[in-house]
C-alpha cells in the first residue's frame, strides 16, 4: 500500500502573476495522492463554511481545473481545508452552538458535493481549552458519520 503524499495548494498561489505564477496543471498528479486546497473560513453568525474570497468566474475555473486532475490520476483525492492554526477560537465559538455546528457540517457537505471534493481537513492546533473537547468530539463524530454516507 502506498503512503499519503499530500500536495498543498494555497488559493493565493493561483492569484500570483508573472514569474511567480502558479497553475493547477503544474501539480504533479503522478506523485500526489491528495491535493489539499486551502483555505476556507467560517461565518461566525451562521456557522457556514465559506471560501475566504470567491470571484465566481476565476474561482469556478480554478475549481474545474482542480477537479480535472482526477482524469490524470483517478485515485487522486481532493481535500478542502478549514483553518490555519490561528483561528481555533473562531471554530470553538461556532461548534459551541448546536445550530451553528449543524450548519457547519451541512455547508461542508454541500461544498464537497458541489465541487467534487473528497473530504475535509480541519487544521486544528490544539489541544485548546479542555472545555472545547466535548464539542470537538461531537463535530468529529458527526462529520465522520456523514462522510461514511457520502
N, C-alpha and C. Protein backbone atom coordinates (compact mmCIF):
# COMPACT_ATOMS: atom_id res chain seq x y z
N UNK A 1 0.84 -1.19 0.00
CA UNK A 1 0.00 0.00 0.00
C UNK A 1 0.88 1.25 0.00
N UNK A 2 0.49 2.21 -0.78
CA UNK A 2 1.22 3.46 -0.93
C UNK A 2 0.87 4.43 0.21
N UNK A 3 1.83 5.17 0.68
CA UNK A 3 1.58 6.17 1.71
C UNK A 3 0.90 7.40 1.12
N UNK A 4 0.52 8.31 1.99
CA UNK A 4 -0.14 9.54 1.56
C UNK A 4 0.92 10.60 1.24
N UNK A 5 0.78 11.18 0.08
CA UNK A 5 1.60 12.34 -0.29
C UNK A 5 0.62 13.47 -0.57
N UNK A 6 0.50 14.36 0.39
CA UNK A 6 -0.46 15.47 0.28
C UNK A 6 0.24 16.69 -0.30
N UNK A 7 -0.27 17.17 -1.40
CA UNK A 7 0.24 18.37 -2.05
C UNK A 7 -0.70 19.52 -1.70
N UNK A 8 -0.15 20.53 -1.09
CA UNK A 8 -0.92 21.62 -0.52
C UNK A 8 -1.02 22.76 -1.54
N UNK A 9 -2.23 23.19 -1.84
CA UNK A 9 -2.46 24.27 -2.80
C UNK A 9 -3.13 25.44 -2.09
N UNK A 10 -2.38 26.49 -1.89
CA UNK A 10 -2.91 27.71 -1.28
C UNK A 10 -3.57 28.53 -2.37
N UNK A 11 -4.81 28.91 -2.17
CA UNK A 11 -5.56 29.66 -3.18
C UNK A 11 -4.80 30.90 -3.65
N UNK A 12 -4.10 31.55 -2.74
CA UNK A 12 -3.37 32.77 -3.11
C UNK A 12 -2.29 32.49 -4.15
N UNK A 13 -1.77 31.27 -4.20
CA UNK A 13 -0.76 30.93 -5.21
C UNK A 13 -1.34 31.07 -6.61
N UNK A 14 -2.63 30.81 -6.75
CA UNK A 14 -3.28 30.91 -8.05
C UNK A 14 -3.50 32.36 -8.48
N UNK A 15 -3.36 33.28 -7.55
CA UNK A 15 -3.57 34.70 -7.84
C UNK A 15 -2.28 35.42 -8.22
N UNK A 16 -1.14 34.72 -8.08
CA UNK A 16 0.14 35.34 -8.44
C UNK A 16 0.27 35.46 -9.95
N UNK A 17 0.97 36.46 -10.38
CA UNK A 17 1.18 36.70 -11.81
C UNK A 17 2.67 36.75 -12.12
N UNK A 18 2.99 36.71 -13.39
CA UNK A 18 4.38 36.83 -13.81
C UNK A 18 5.18 35.57 -13.52
N UNK A 19 6.46 35.75 -13.17
CA UNK A 19 7.35 34.62 -12.94
C UNK A 19 6.93 33.76 -11.76
N UNK A 20 6.21 34.34 -10.81
CA UNK A 20 5.79 33.60 -9.62
C UNK A 20 4.42 32.96 -9.77
N UNK A 21 3.85 33.04 -10.95
CA UNK A 21 2.51 32.48 -11.17
C UNK A 21 2.54 30.96 -10.98
N UNK A 22 1.46 30.45 -10.46
CA UNK A 22 1.31 29.00 -10.30
C UNK A 22 0.04 28.58 -11.01
N UNK A 23 0.12 27.49 -11.75
CA UNK A 23 -1.05 26.99 -12.46
C UNK A 23 -1.35 25.57 -12.00
N UNK A 24 -2.62 25.24 -11.95
CA UNK A 24 -3.05 23.93 -11.46
C UNK A 24 -2.44 22.77 -12.24
N UNK A 25 -2.31 22.85 -13.56
CA UNK A 25 -1.69 21.72 -14.27
C UNK A 25 -0.25 21.42 -13.84
N UNK A 26 0.39 22.33 -13.10
CA UNK A 26 1.75 22.10 -12.60
C UNK A 26 1.77 21.14 -11.41
N UNK A 27 0.62 20.83 -10.85
CA UNK A 27 0.56 19.91 -9.71
C UNK A 27 0.96 18.52 -10.20
N UNK A 28 1.96 17.90 -9.57
CA UNK A 28 2.44 16.59 -10.03
C UNK A 28 1.49 15.45 -9.61
N UNK A 29 0.46 15.24 -10.40
CA UNK A 29 -0.56 14.24 -10.04
C UNK A 29 0.00 12.83 -9.99
N UNK A 30 1.11 12.59 -10.66
CA UNK A 30 1.71 11.26 -10.60
C UNK A 30 2.41 11.02 -9.26
N UNK A 31 2.65 12.08 -8.51
CA UNK A 31 3.30 11.97 -7.21
C UNK A 31 2.34 12.17 -6.04
N UNK A 32 1.35 13.03 -6.22
CA UNK A 32 0.42 13.37 -5.14
C UNK A 32 -0.67 12.31 -5.01
N UNK A 33 -0.96 11.93 -3.78
CA UNK A 33 -2.14 11.09 -3.54
C UNK A 33 -3.33 11.97 -3.16
N UNK A 34 -3.04 13.14 -2.60
CA UNK A 34 -4.06 14.09 -2.17
C UNK A 34 -3.64 15.50 -2.57
N UNK A 35 -4.60 16.31 -2.96
CA UNK A 35 -4.36 17.75 -3.14
C UNK A 35 -5.26 18.44 -2.12
N UNK A 36 -4.62 19.22 -1.25
CA UNK A 36 -5.33 19.92 -0.18
C UNK A 36 -5.46 21.38 -0.59
N UNK A 37 -6.69 21.82 -0.80
CA UNK A 37 -6.99 23.18 -1.25
C UNK A 37 -7.27 24.06 -0.04
N UNK A 38 -6.48 25.10 0.10
CA UNK A 38 -6.55 25.93 1.29
C UNK A 38 -6.95 27.36 0.95
N UNK A 39 -7.52 28.02 1.80
CA UNK A 39 -8.28 27.53 2.93
C UNK A 39 -9.57 28.31 3.07
N UNK A 40 -10.49 27.72 3.77
CA UNK A 40 -11.82 28.28 3.89
C UNK A 40 -11.99 29.02 5.22
N UNK A 41 -13.10 29.72 5.34
CA UNK A 41 -13.42 30.44 6.57
C UNK A 41 -14.81 30.00 7.03
N UNK A 42 -15.17 30.44 8.21
CA UNK A 42 -16.49 30.12 8.73
C UNK A 42 -17.19 31.43 9.10
N UNK A 43 -18.47 31.52 8.75
CA UNK A 43 -19.28 32.67 9.13
C UNK A 43 -19.64 32.50 10.60
N UNK A 44 -19.23 33.46 11.42
CA UNK A 44 -19.42 33.35 12.87
C UNK A 44 -20.88 33.32 13.29
N UNK A 45 -21.73 33.99 12.55
CA UNK A 45 -23.14 34.03 12.95
C UNK A 45 -23.89 32.77 12.57
N UNK A 46 -23.65 32.29 11.36
CA UNK A 46 -24.42 31.13 10.89
C UNK A 46 -23.71 29.81 11.13
N UNK A 47 -22.37 29.83 11.15
CA UNK A 47 -21.61 28.59 11.23
C UNK A 47 -21.27 28.02 9.87
N UNK A 48 -21.69 28.68 8.82
CA UNK A 48 -21.50 28.18 7.45
C UNK A 48 -20.02 28.25 7.04
N UNK A 49 -19.55 27.18 6.43
CA UNK A 49 -18.20 27.13 5.88
C UNK A 49 -18.21 27.78 4.51
N UNK A 50 -17.29 28.71 4.27
CA UNK A 50 -17.26 29.50 3.04
C UNK A 50 -15.85 29.61 2.49
N UNK A 51 -15.74 29.89 1.20
CA UNK A 51 -14.44 30.27 0.65
C UNK A 51 -14.08 31.63 1.22
N UNK A 52 -12.80 31.85 1.50
CA UNK A 52 -12.37 33.14 2.07
C UNK A 52 -12.75 34.28 1.15
N UNK A 53 -12.44 34.16 -0.10
CA UNK A 53 -12.88 35.10 -1.12
C UNK A 53 -13.36 34.25 -2.27
N UNK A 54 -14.31 34.74 -3.02
CA UNK A 54 -14.79 33.93 -4.13
C UNK A 54 -15.19 34.85 -5.26
N UNK A 55 -14.39 34.82 -6.29
CA UNK A 55 -14.71 35.50 -7.54
C UNK A 55 -15.26 34.42 -8.45
N UNK A 56 -16.54 34.49 -8.76
CA UNK A 56 -17.21 33.37 -9.42
C UNK A 56 -16.48 32.88 -10.66
N UNK A 57 -16.18 33.76 -11.60
CA UNK A 57 -15.59 33.29 -12.86
C UNK A 57 -14.19 32.72 -12.66
N UNK A 58 -13.35 33.41 -11.90
CA UNK A 58 -11.98 32.95 -11.68
C UNK A 58 -11.95 31.68 -10.84
N UNK A 59 -12.65 31.68 -9.72
CA UNK A 59 -12.59 30.53 -8.82
C UNK A 59 -13.29 29.31 -9.38
N UNK A 60 -14.39 29.49 -10.07
CA UNK A 60 -15.06 28.33 -10.69
C UNK A 60 -14.14 27.69 -11.72
N UNK A 61 -13.44 28.50 -12.46
CA UNK A 61 -12.48 27.98 -13.44
C UNK A 61 -11.38 27.19 -12.74
N UNK A 62 -10.86 27.74 -11.65
CA UNK A 62 -9.81 27.05 -10.89
C UNK A 62 -10.32 25.74 -10.30
N UNK A 63 -11.53 25.75 -9.76
CA UNK A 63 -12.07 24.53 -9.17
C UNK A 63 -12.33 23.47 -10.23
N UNK A 64 -12.76 23.88 -11.41
CA UNK A 64 -12.95 22.92 -12.51
C UNK A 64 -11.61 22.32 -12.93
N UNK A 65 -10.58 23.15 -13.02
CA UNK A 65 -9.24 22.66 -13.37
C UNK A 65 -8.72 21.71 -12.29
N UNK A 66 -8.98 22.05 -11.05
CA UNK A 66 -8.55 21.19 -9.95
C UNK A 66 -9.23 19.83 -10.06
N UNK A 67 -10.53 19.84 -10.28
CA UNK A 67 -11.27 18.59 -10.41
C UNK A 67 -10.80 17.79 -11.62
N UNK A 68 -10.41 18.46 -12.69
CA UNK A 68 -9.96 17.76 -13.90
C UNK A 68 -8.67 16.98 -13.67
N UNK A 69 -7.95 17.27 -12.60
CA UNK A 69 -6.75 16.50 -12.28
C UNK A 69 -7.07 15.03 -12.05
N UNK A 70 -8.31 14.75 -11.67
CA UNK A 70 -8.71 13.35 -11.43
C UNK A 70 -8.68 12.54 -12.72
N UNK A 71 -8.76 13.22 -13.87
CA UNK A 71 -8.63 12.49 -15.14
C UNK A 71 -7.21 11.97 -15.33
N UNK A 72 -6.24 12.72 -14.81
CA UNK A 72 -4.85 12.31 -14.91
C UNK A 72 -4.51 11.23 -13.88
N UNK A 73 -5.15 11.31 -12.73
CA UNK A 73 -4.93 10.34 -11.66
C UNK A 73 -6.28 10.07 -10.99
N UNK A 74 -7.00 9.03 -11.43
CA UNK A 74 -8.33 8.75 -10.88
C UNK A 74 -8.34 8.45 -9.39
N UNK A 75 -7.18 8.09 -8.83
CA UNK A 75 -7.11 7.80 -7.40
C UNK A 75 -6.82 9.05 -6.56
N UNK A 76 -6.58 10.17 -7.22
CA UNK A 76 -6.27 11.41 -6.53
C UNK A 76 -7.46 11.84 -5.66
N UNK A 77 -7.18 12.24 -4.43
CA UNK A 77 -8.20 12.75 -3.52
C UNK A 77 -8.05 14.26 -3.40
N UNK A 78 -9.16 14.96 -3.54
CA UNK A 78 -9.18 16.42 -3.41
C UNK A 78 -9.81 16.78 -2.08
N UNK A 79 -9.08 17.52 -1.28
CA UNK A 79 -9.49 17.84 0.09
C UNK A 79 -9.57 19.36 0.25
N UNK A 80 -10.63 19.84 0.89
CA UNK A 80 -10.67 21.25 1.27
C UNK A 80 -10.22 21.35 2.72
N UNK A 81 -9.65 22.48 3.06
CA UNK A 81 -9.18 22.64 4.43
C UNK A 81 -9.76 23.90 5.06
N UNK A 82 -10.12 23.74 6.32
CA UNK A 82 -10.56 24.88 7.12
C UNK A 82 -9.52 25.09 8.21
N UNK A 83 -9.14 26.32 8.38
CA UNK A 83 -8.26 26.66 9.48
C UNK A 83 -6.84 26.88 9.01
N UNK A 84 -6.11 27.59 9.81
CA UNK A 84 -4.71 27.85 9.52
C UNK A 84 -3.89 27.88 10.80
N UNK A 85 -4.43 27.30 11.83
CA UNK A 85 -3.73 27.27 13.10
C UNK A 85 -3.94 28.51 13.95
N UNK A 86 -4.48 29.56 13.36
CA UNK A 86 -4.66 30.81 14.09
C UNK A 86 -6.11 31.09 14.44
N UNK A 87 -7.00 30.26 13.97
CA UNK A 87 -8.42 30.57 14.17
C UNK A 87 -9.15 29.51 14.99
N UNK A 88 -8.47 28.95 15.97
CA UNK A 88 -9.09 27.95 16.82
C UNK A 88 -10.28 28.53 17.59
N UNK A 89 -10.15 29.77 18.05
CA UNK A 89 -11.24 30.41 18.78
C UNK A 89 -12.48 30.57 17.93
N UNK A 90 -12.27 30.87 16.66
CA UNK A 90 -13.38 31.01 15.71
C UNK A 90 -14.16 29.70 15.61
N UNK A 91 -13.45 28.60 15.44
CA UNK A 91 -14.11 27.30 15.34
C UNK A 91 -14.81 26.94 16.65
N UNK A 92 -14.18 27.23 17.78
CA UNK A 92 -14.78 26.88 19.07
C UNK A 92 -16.09 27.62 19.30
N UNK A 93 -16.15 28.89 18.88
CA UNK A 93 -17.40 29.65 19.02
C UNK A 93 -18.49 29.03 18.15
N UNK A 94 -18.13 28.60 16.97
CA UNK A 94 -19.12 28.03 16.06
C UNK A 94 -19.63 26.69 16.57
N UNK A 95 -18.74 25.81 16.97
CA UNK A 95 -19.20 24.47 17.36
C UNK A 95 -19.76 24.42 18.77
N UNK A 96 -19.67 25.54 19.50
CA UNK A 96 -20.27 25.61 20.82
C UNK A 96 -21.79 25.69 20.77
N UNK A 97 -22.33 25.97 19.60
CA UNK A 97 -23.77 26.05 19.39
C UNK A 97 -24.20 24.90 18.47
N UNK A 98 -25.19 24.17 18.88
CA UNK A 98 -25.64 23.04 18.05
C UNK A 98 -26.12 23.52 16.68
N UNK A 99 -26.85 24.62 16.65
CA UNK A 99 -27.35 25.14 15.38
C UNK A 99 -26.21 25.49 14.44
N UNK A 100 -25.21 26.21 14.96
CA UNK A 100 -24.06 26.59 14.12
C UNK A 100 -23.21 25.38 13.75
N UNK A 101 -23.08 24.44 14.67
CA UNK A 101 -22.33 23.21 14.38
C UNK A 101 -23.01 22.43 13.26
N UNK A 102 -24.33 22.32 13.32
CA UNK A 102 -25.08 21.63 12.26
C UNK A 102 -24.92 22.35 10.92
N UNK A 103 -24.95 23.67 10.95
CA UNK A 103 -24.78 24.45 9.72
C UNK A 103 -23.37 24.28 9.16
N UNK A 104 -22.38 24.21 10.04
CA UNK A 104 -21.00 23.98 9.61
C UNK A 104 -20.92 22.65 8.85
N UNK A 105 -21.49 21.61 9.43
CA UNK A 105 -21.47 20.29 8.79
C UNK A 105 -22.25 20.31 7.48
N UNK A 106 -23.46 20.87 7.50
CA UNK A 106 -24.28 20.91 6.28
C UNK A 106 -23.58 21.67 5.15
N UNK A 107 -22.99 22.81 5.48
CA UNK A 107 -22.33 23.60 4.44
C UNK A 107 -21.05 22.91 3.95
N UNK A 108 -20.39 22.17 4.82
CA UNK A 108 -19.21 21.39 4.41
C UNK A 108 -19.62 20.34 3.39
N UNK A 109 -20.69 19.63 3.69
CA UNK A 109 -21.17 18.59 2.77
C UNK A 109 -21.56 19.20 1.43
N UNK A 110 -22.25 20.34 1.46
CA UNK A 110 -22.64 21.00 0.20
C UNK A 110 -21.43 21.40 -0.64
N UNK A 111 -20.40 21.94 0.00
CA UNK A 111 -19.19 22.31 -0.74
C UNK A 111 -18.52 21.09 -1.34
N UNK A 112 -18.44 20.02 -0.57
CA UNK A 112 -17.81 18.79 -1.06
C UNK A 112 -18.57 18.24 -2.26
N UNK A 113 -19.88 18.18 -2.14
CA UNK A 113 -20.68 17.64 -3.24
C UNK A 113 -20.68 18.56 -4.46
N UNK A 114 -20.80 19.85 -4.23
CA UNK A 114 -20.89 20.80 -5.35
C UNK A 114 -19.61 20.86 -6.17
N UNK A 115 -18.46 20.80 -5.50
CA UNK A 115 -17.20 21.00 -6.20
C UNK A 115 -16.38 19.72 -6.38
N UNK A 116 -16.92 18.59 -5.97
CA UNK A 116 -16.24 17.32 -6.22
C UNK A 116 -15.08 17.01 -5.30
N UNK A 117 -15.08 17.61 -4.11
CA UNK A 117 -14.03 17.28 -3.16
C UNK A 117 -14.32 15.93 -2.52
N UNK A 118 -13.26 15.33 -1.96
CA UNK A 118 -13.39 14.02 -1.34
C UNK A 118 -13.44 14.08 0.18
N UNK A 119 -13.10 15.22 0.75
CA UNK A 119 -13.11 15.30 2.20
C UNK A 119 -12.69 16.67 2.71
N UNK A 120 -12.58 16.75 4.03
CA UNK A 120 -12.27 17.98 4.73
C UNK A 120 -11.08 17.76 5.65
N UNK A 121 -10.15 18.69 5.63
CA UNK A 121 -9.05 18.71 6.58
C UNK A 121 -9.33 19.85 7.55
N UNK A 122 -9.46 19.53 8.82
CA UNK A 122 -9.61 20.57 9.84
C UNK A 122 -8.23 20.85 10.40
N UNK A 123 -7.70 22.01 10.10
CA UNK A 123 -6.38 22.40 10.59
C UNK A 123 -6.56 22.94 12.00
N UNK A 124 -6.39 22.06 12.93
CA UNK A 124 -6.61 22.41 14.33
C UNK A 124 -5.29 22.27 15.07
N UNK A 125 -4.85 23.31 15.71
CA UNK A 125 -3.65 23.24 16.53
C UNK A 125 -4.10 23.34 17.97
N UNK A 126 -4.07 22.23 18.64
CA UNK A 126 -4.59 22.16 19.99
C UNK A 126 -3.48 22.00 21.00
N UNK A 127 -3.83 21.58 22.17
CA UNK A 127 -5.11 20.96 22.47
C UNK A 127 -6.24 21.94 22.72
N UNK A 128 -5.95 23.18 23.04
CA UNK A 128 -7.03 24.12 23.32
C UNK A 128 -7.60 23.89 24.71
N UNK A 129 -8.53 24.72 25.12
CA UNK A 129 -9.14 24.56 26.44
C UNK A 129 -9.89 23.23 26.53
N UNK A 130 -9.82 22.58 27.69
CA UNK A 130 -10.47 21.27 27.85
C UNK A 130 -11.99 21.38 27.67
N UNK A 131 -12.55 22.55 27.88
CA UNK A 131 -13.99 22.74 27.70
C UNK A 131 -14.40 22.53 26.23
N UNK A 132 -13.44 22.67 25.31
CA UNK A 132 -13.73 22.52 23.88
C UNK A 132 -13.84 21.06 23.45
N UNK A 133 -13.24 20.15 24.20
CA UNK A 133 -13.16 18.76 23.77
C UNK A 133 -14.52 18.13 23.49
N UNK A 134 -15.53 18.27 24.34
CA UNK A 134 -16.82 17.65 24.02
C UNK A 134 -17.42 18.14 22.70
N UNK A 135 -17.30 19.43 22.43
CA UNK A 135 -17.84 19.96 21.18
C UNK A 135 -17.03 19.51 19.97
N UNK A 136 -15.71 19.42 20.12
CA UNK A 136 -14.89 18.89 19.03
C UNK A 136 -15.24 17.43 18.76
N UNK A 137 -15.40 16.66 19.84
CA UNK A 137 -15.79 15.25 19.68
C UNK A 137 -17.11 15.13 18.92
N UNK A 138 -18.08 15.96 19.28
CA UNK A 138 -19.37 15.93 18.58
C UNK A 138 -19.20 16.25 17.10
N UNK A 139 -18.41 17.29 16.82
CA UNK A 139 -18.18 17.68 15.43
C UNK A 139 -17.51 16.55 14.66
N UNK A 140 -16.45 15.98 15.21
CA UNK A 140 -15.73 14.91 14.52
C UNK A 140 -16.62 13.69 14.28
N UNK A 141 -17.39 13.32 15.29
CA UNK A 141 -18.28 12.15 15.13
C UNK A 141 -19.34 12.40 14.06
N UNK A 142 -19.90 13.59 14.07
CA UNK A 142 -20.93 13.95 13.10
C UNK A 142 -20.35 13.94 11.69
N UNK A 143 -19.19 14.58 11.52
CA UNK A 143 -18.54 14.60 10.20
C UNK A 143 -18.20 13.19 9.73
N UNK A 144 -17.67 12.39 10.62
CA UNK A 144 -17.30 11.01 10.25
C UNK A 144 -18.53 10.23 9.80
N UNK A 145 -19.62 10.37 10.51
CA UNK A 145 -20.86 9.66 10.13
C UNK A 145 -21.36 10.13 8.77
N UNK A 146 -21.32 11.43 8.54
CA UNK A 146 -21.78 11.97 7.25
C UNK A 146 -20.87 11.50 6.12
N UNK A 147 -19.55 11.54 6.34
CA UNK A 147 -18.62 11.15 5.27
C UNK A 147 -18.74 9.67 4.93
N UNK A 148 -19.14 8.86 5.87
CA UNK A 148 -19.35 7.44 5.56
C UNK A 148 -20.49 7.25 4.57
N UNK A 149 -21.49 8.12 4.66
CA UNK A 149 -22.65 8.04 3.76
C UNK A 149 -22.29 8.54 2.37
N UNK A 150 -21.45 9.59 2.31
CA UNK A 150 -21.07 10.16 1.02
C UNK A 150 -20.26 9.14 0.29
